[in-house]
Amino acid sequence: MIKRAIADLPVKERMSLVLRDLEGLTTEEVASIMNTRPATIRVQISSARAKIKRSCDRFLMRRARREEA
């Protein structure tokens, strides 16, 4: 579920999230690699996390409905 949600992210959001949260780089390091400002990376990561949360919420809601039936 999480892997699918990450794979479905736009490329820049996915790269920012993976480099920061999974690879452990600092925001500044990610910004340098992606040739952008740290503020942009923070926005991309925030957006990516929100999209992953929504994706997981939808999955869990569908699953709960199936179990109720």
Protein backbone atom coordinates (compact mmCIF):
# COMPACT_ATOMS: atom_id res chain seq x y z
CA MET A 1 0.00 0.00 0.00
CA ILE A 2 2.72 2.50 0.97
CA LYS A 3 4.98 1.48 -1.93
CA ARG A 4 2.09 1.98 -4.35
CA ALA A 5 1.27 5.39 -2.87
CA ILE A 6 4.91 6.49 -3.21
CA ALA A 7 5.12 5.17 -6.77
CA ASP A 8 2.01 7.17 -7.71
CA LEU A 9 3.53 10.50 -6.57
CA PRO A 10 4.72 13.08 -9.11
CA VAL A 11 8.43 12.58 -9.82
CA LYS A 12 9.76 15.62 -7.94
CA GLU A 13 7.66 14.89 -4.87
CA ARG A 14 8.70 11.24 -4.92
CA MET A 15 12.38 12.11 -5.29
CA SER A 16 12.24 14.67 -2.48
CA LEU A 17 10.45 12.29 -0.14
CA VAL A 18 12.69 9.30 -0.87
CA LEU A 19 15.92 11.25 -0.53
CA ARG A 20 14.82 12.97 2.68
CA ASP A 21 12.77 10.37 4.52
CA LEU A 22 14.11 7.06 3.23
CA GLU A 23 17.73 7.88 2.39
CA GLY A 24 18.15 10.22 5.35
CA LEU A 25 19.58 13.24 3.54
CA THR A 26 19.04 16.71 4.95
CA THR A 27 16.65 19.10 3.28
CA GLU A 28 19.63 21.18 2.17
CA GLU A 29 21.34 18.13 0.62
CA VAL A 30 18.17 17.19 -1.25
CA ALA A 31 17.80 20.77 -2.49
CA SER A 32 21.39 20.73 -3.75
CA ILE A 33 20.90 17.43 -5.58
CA MET A 34 17.65 18.61 -7.14
CA ASN A 35 19.03 22.08 -7.90
CA THR A 36 16.31 23.95 -6.04
CA ARG A 37 15.72 25.80 -2.79
CA PRO A 38 15.23 24.04 0.56
CA ALA A 39 11.81 25.72 0.89
CA THR A 40 10.73 24.03 -2.35
CA ILE A 41 11.84 20.66 -1.01
CA ARG A 42 9.89 21.20 2.22
CA VAL A 43 6.74 21.99 0.20
CA GLN A 44 7.21 18.95 -2.03
CA ILE A 45 7.73 16.65 0.96
CA SER A 46 4.69 18.04 2.75
CA SER A 47 2.57 17.55 -0.36
CA ALA A 48 3.90 14.02 -0.86
CA ARG A 49 3.15 13.05 2.74
CA ALA A 50 -0.40 14.43 2.46
CA LYS A 51 -1.01 12.48 -0.75
CA ILE A 52 0.31 9.27 0.80
CA LYS A 53 -1.94 9.78 3.83
CA ARG A 54 -4.99 10.32 1.60
CA SER A 55 -4.13 7.23 -0.42
CA CYS A 56 -3.80 5.11 2.72
CA ASP A 57 -7.02 6.55 4.17
CA ARG A 58 -8.92 5.64 0.98
CA PHE A 59 -7.48 2.13 1.02
CA LEU A 60 -8.43 1.57 4.65
CA MET A 61 -11.94 2.95 4.12
CA ARG A 62 -12.52 0.60 1.17
CA ARG A 63 -11.21 -2.31 3.22
CA ALA A 64 -13.45 -1.46 6.17
CA ARG A 65 -16.51 -1.29 3.89
CA ARG A 66 -15.73 -4.73 2.47
CA GLU A 67 -15.39 -6.19 5.95
CA GLU A 68 -18.76 -4.72 6.98
CA ALA A 69 -20.53 -6.37 4.05
